[in-house]
Protein backbone atom coordinates (compact mmCIF):
# COMPACT_ATOMS: atom_id res chain seq x y z
CA UNK A 1 -193.91 -4.29 -112.37
CA UNK A 2 -197.83 -3.81 -113.13
CA UNK A 3 -199.74 -4.12 -115.95
CA UNK A 4 -202.44 -1.82 -117.79
CA UNK A 5 -204.46 -1.81 -120.61
CA UNK A 6 -202.65 -1.10 -123.77
CA UNK A 7 -202.53 2.94 -124.92
CA UNK A 8 -202.65 4.46 -128.68
CA UNK A 9 -199.18 5.16 -128.34
CA UNK A 10 -197.89 1.20 -127.47
CA UNK A 11 -199.72 -0.04 -130.94
CA UNK A 12 -196.27 0.05 -133.11
CA UNK A 13 -194.43 -1.50 -129.80
CA UNK A 14 -196.98 -3.85 -130.34
CA UNK A 15 -196.82 -4.78 -133.22
CA UNK A 16 -192.88 -4.99 -133.35
CA UNK A 17 -193.20 -7.67 -130.73
CA UNK A 18 -195.86 -9.41 -132.19
CA UNK A 19 -194.28 -9.95 -135.52
CA UNK A 20 -191.19 -10.77 -133.58
CA UNK A 21 -192.24 -13.24 -131.37
CA UNK A 22 -194.66 -14.22 -134.55
CA UNK A 23 -197.78 -14.56 -133.02
CA UNK A 24 -201.71 -13.73 -134.00
CA UNK A 25 -202.43 -10.14 -135.19
CA UNK A 26 -205.37 -10.53 -136.86
CA UNK A 27 -207.99 -8.04 -136.95
CA UNK A 28 -205.57 -6.29 -134.82
CA UNK A 29 -206.32 -3.43 -131.88
CA UNK A 30 -204.55 -2.01 -129.55
CA UNK A 31 -207.26 -1.44 -127.03
CA UNK A 32 -207.56 -5.37 -127.27
CA UNK A 33 -204.32 -5.68 -125.52
CA UNK A 34 -203.10 -5.17 -121.54
CA UNK A 35 -199.06 -4.39 -120.82
CA UNK A 36 -196.65 -5.39 -118.13
CA UNK A 37 -194.43 -2.25 -117.33
CA UNK A 38 -192.18 -2.62 -114.90
CA UNK A 39 -192.43 1.06 -113.05
CA UNK A 40 -189.29 0.96 -111.82
CA UNK A 41 -187.66 1.95 -115.57
CA UNK A 42 -191.39 2.20 -117.16
CA UNK A 43 -190.50 -1.04 -119.75
CA UNK A 44 -192.69 -2.56 -121.05
CA UNK A 45 -192.56 -6.33 -120.38
CA UNK A 46 -194.95 -8.64 -121.97
CA UNK A 47 -198.39 -8.27 -123.44
CA UNK A 48 -202.03 -10.54 -124.51
CA UNK A 49 -205.21 -9.84 -125.80
CA UNK A 50 -208.76 -10.13 -125.14
CA UNK A 51 -210.43 -11.24 -128.43
CA UNK A 52 -214.61 -10.93 -128.86
CA UNK A 53 -216.10 -13.08 -131.61
CA UNK A 54 -219.64 -11.93 -131.61
CA UNK A 55 -221.99 -14.36 -132.97
CA UNK A 56 -225.79 -14.43 -133.31
CA UNK A 57 -226.39 -16.40 -130.37
CA UNK A 58 -223.13 -15.59 -128.42
CA UNK A 59 -220.18 -13.48 -128.11
CA UNK A 60 -217.22 -15.55 -127.39
CA UNK A 61 -213.99 -14.69 -125.34
CA UNK A 62 -210.67 -15.94 -126.73
CA UNK A 63 -207.06 -14.77 -125.14
CA UNK A 64 -205.01 -14.40 -127.81
CA UNK A 65 -201.29 -13.39 -128.69
CA UNK A 66 -199.21 -13.80 -125.52
CA UNK A 67 -195.65 -12.76 -124.94
CA UNK A 68 -192.92 -12.15 -122.71
CA UNK A 69 -190.08 -10.24 -124.05
CA UNK A 70 -187.24 -12.80 -123.38
CA UNK A 71 -184.97 -11.14 -120.74
CA UNK A 72 -188.37 -10.92 -118.57
CA UNK A 73 -189.36 -14.47 -118.74
CA UNK A 74 -189.39 -16.67 -116.19
CA UNK A 75 -190.95 -14.35 -114.06
CA UNK A 76 -194.60 -14.79 -113.84
CA UNK A 77 -195.24 -11.62 -116.23
CA UNK A 78 -196.82 -13.90 -118.32
CA UNK A 79 -199.01 -15.25 -115.50
CA UNK A 80 -199.89 -11.70 -114.77
CA UNK A 81 -200.86 -10.57 -118.43
CA UNK A 82 -203.39 -13.81 -118.40
CA UNK A 83 -204.48 -13.12 -114.99
CA UNK A 84 -205.86 -9.49 -116.45
CA UNK A 85 -207.12 -11.23 -119.84
CA UNK A 86 -209.12 -13.49 -117.74
CA UNK A 87 -210.40 -10.76 -115.22
CA UNK A 88 -211.30 -8.73 -118.17
CA UNK A 89 -213.62 -11.34 -119.14
CA UNK A 90 -214.47 -12.20 -115.83
CA UNK A 91 -215.77 -8.31 -115.78
CA UNK A 92 -217.63 -8.32 -119.27
CA UNK A 93 -219.85 -11.08 -117.93
CA UNK A 94 -218.58 -13.65 -119.75
CA UNK A 95 -219.11 -17.49 -118.20
CA UNK A 96 -216.13 -19.63 -120.28
CA UNK A 97 -212.63 -17.87 -121.55
CA UNK A 98 -211.09 -19.99 -124.27
CA UNK A 99 -207.24 -20.34 -126.12
CA UNK A 100 -206.24 -21.98 -128.64
CA UNK A 101 -202.39 -22.23 -128.24
CA UNK A 102 -199.79 -24.63 -128.25
CA UNK A 103 -199.76 -23.79 -124.83
CA UNK A 104 -201.67 -26.17 -123.43
CA UNK A 105 -199.30 -26.60 -119.95
CA UNK A 106 -198.74 -22.93 -119.72
CA UNK A 107 -202.64 -22.67 -119.00
CA UNK A 108 -203.23 -25.84 -117.20
CA UNK A 109 -200.92 -24.31 -113.87
CA UNK A 110 -203.59 -21.55 -114.00
CA UNK A 111 -207.09 -23.62 -114.33
CA UNK A 112 -207.62 -24.12 -118.55
CA UNK A 113 -209.05 -27.67 -119.28
CA UNK A 114 -207.95 -28.73 -122.59
CA UNK A 115 -211.43 -29.18 -124.73
CA UNK A 116 -211.95 -31.35 -127.52
CA UNK A 117 -211.98 -29.36 -131.38
CA UNK A 118 -216.25 -30.12 -131.32
CA UNK A 119 -217.01 -28.79 -127.92
CA UNK A 120 -215.57 -25.48 -129.77
CA UNK A 121 -218.17 -22.82 -130.32
CA UNK A 122 -218.41 -23.20 -134.54
CA UNK A 123 -216.45 -19.20 -134.49
CA UNK A 124 -213.24 -20.98 -132.53
CA UNK A 125 -214.02 -24.41 -134.60
CA UNK A 126 -212.97 -21.94 -137.75
CA UNK A 127 -209.86 -19.40 -136.05
CA UNK A 128 -208.79 -22.68 -135.15
CA UNK A 129 -208.08 -24.71 -138.31
CA UNK A 130 -206.94 -21.38 -139.62
CA UNK A 131 -204.47 -20.12 -136.77
CA UNK A 132 -203.34 -24.44 -137.10
CA UNK A 133 -202.56 -23.98 -140.46
CA UNK A 134 -200.89 -20.49 -140.73
CA UNK A 135 -199.65 -19.56 -137.26
CA UNK A 136 -199.57 -22.68 -134.30
CA UNK A 137 -199.70 -26.30 -136.32
CA UNK A 138 -199.91 -27.45 -132.60
CA UNK A 139 -202.52 -25.52 -131.38
CA UNK A 140 -205.03 -26.93 -129.53
CA UNK A 141 -208.13 -25.36 -127.77
CA UNK A 142 -208.37 -24.26 -123.72
CA UNK A 143 -211.18 -22.92 -121.99
CA UNK A 144 -211.32 -21.72 -117.76
CA UNK A 145 -214.38 -20.67 -115.98
CA UNK A 146 -213.48 -17.07 -114.84
CA UNK A 147 -214.05 -17.70 -111.47
CA UNK A 148 -212.04 -21.07 -111.49
CA UNK A 149 -208.76 -19.03 -112.90
CA UNK A 150 -205.98 -19.64 -109.84
CA UNK A 151 -202.14 -17.64 -109.61
CA UNK A 152 -199.42 -20.21 -108.00
CA UNK A 153 -198.10 -18.12 -105.52
CA UNK A 154 -194.65 -18.88 -106.64
CA UNK A 155 -195.40 -17.37 -110.03
CA UNK A 156 -197.33 -14.14 -107.94
CA UNK A 157 -193.90 -14.04 -106.20
CA UNK A 158 -191.55 -13.48 -108.87
CA UNK A 159 -193.48 -11.48 -110.27
CA UNK A 160 -193.12 -9.33 -107.46
CA UNK A 161 -188.77 -9.06 -107.70
CA UNK A 162 -188.95 -9.25 -111.91
CA UNK A 163 -186.19 -7.32 -113.09
CA UNK A 164 -185.18 -8.02 -116.52
CA UNK A 165 -181.79 -10.06 -117.28
CA UNK A 166 -178.54 -8.49 -118.34
CA UNK A 167 -177.55 -8.38 -121.43
CA UNK A 168 -174.39 -11.04 -122.08
CA UNK A 169 -171.74 -8.80 -122.01
CA UNK A 170 -167.97 -9.16 -123.42
CA UNK A 171 -165.73 -10.26 -120.69
CA UNK A 172 -163.09 -7.77 -120.72
CA UNK A 173 -159.57 -8.46 -121.75
CA UNK A 174 -157.14 -9.42 -121.02
CA UNK A 175 -153.09 -9.85 -121.28
CA UNK A 176 -153.76 -13.93 -122.82
CA UNK A 177 -155.70 -12.08 -125.36
CA UNK A 178 -152.70 -10.46 -126.51
CA UNK A 179 -150.67 -13.49 -126.24
CA UNK A 180 -148.84 -12.79 -123.03
CA UNK A 181 -147.88 -14.54 -120.53
CA UNK A 182 -148.68 -12.33 -117.27
CA UNK A 183 -146.36 -14.86 -115.11
CA UNK A 184 -142.96 -14.42 -117.25
CA UNK A 185 -144.03 -11.13 -119.16
CA UNK A 186 -142.11 -7.77 -117.55
CA UNK A 187 -143.66 -4.45 -118.15
CA UNK A 188 -141.24 -1.10 -118.61
CA UNK A 189 -142.18 0.39 -115.31
CA UNK A 190 -143.16 -2.81 -113.76
CA UNK A 191 -142.39 -1.71 -109.16
CA UNK A 192 -141.83 -5.94 -108.74
CA UNK A 193 -144.06 -5.88 -105.93
């Protein structure tokens, strides 16, 4: 399992799952995303985005549209997507990374802190209001200094062995499904064993 930058050919896949999960696709650009990939099967497992907001004073970095496919959840996939996004922000010299989400408990395990709305840059205050109105009514502002980001060891270990959960398969049919009592029924070729 690894996390890589999204490619142009990932665009349709990203748009499909962003819509399916009800995530933010505002100003969509596939090149802003990273994707978690299972190297054994080359299956895509999760994704997330760094969105840069240009302002007159300073550029602002926001993590958004983070999603993990249901069969990959609980295995550190989202954690590694977040880690890669924060690292990308750090590499681009951002001292603070914001996220506007209702998943504040999830992000807090990595060092994100909840802040009050007036502490947000004006551009993100507007964005939060829009997001609460249209996508995530319970969204709250969070931020982290990339230097203070931490990955819990149990999530790092889970990611190493991550695999897609098996789809539910129908149980094998037995004689009872056809109204036959296997203890009482005799069969044409019964040998008595």
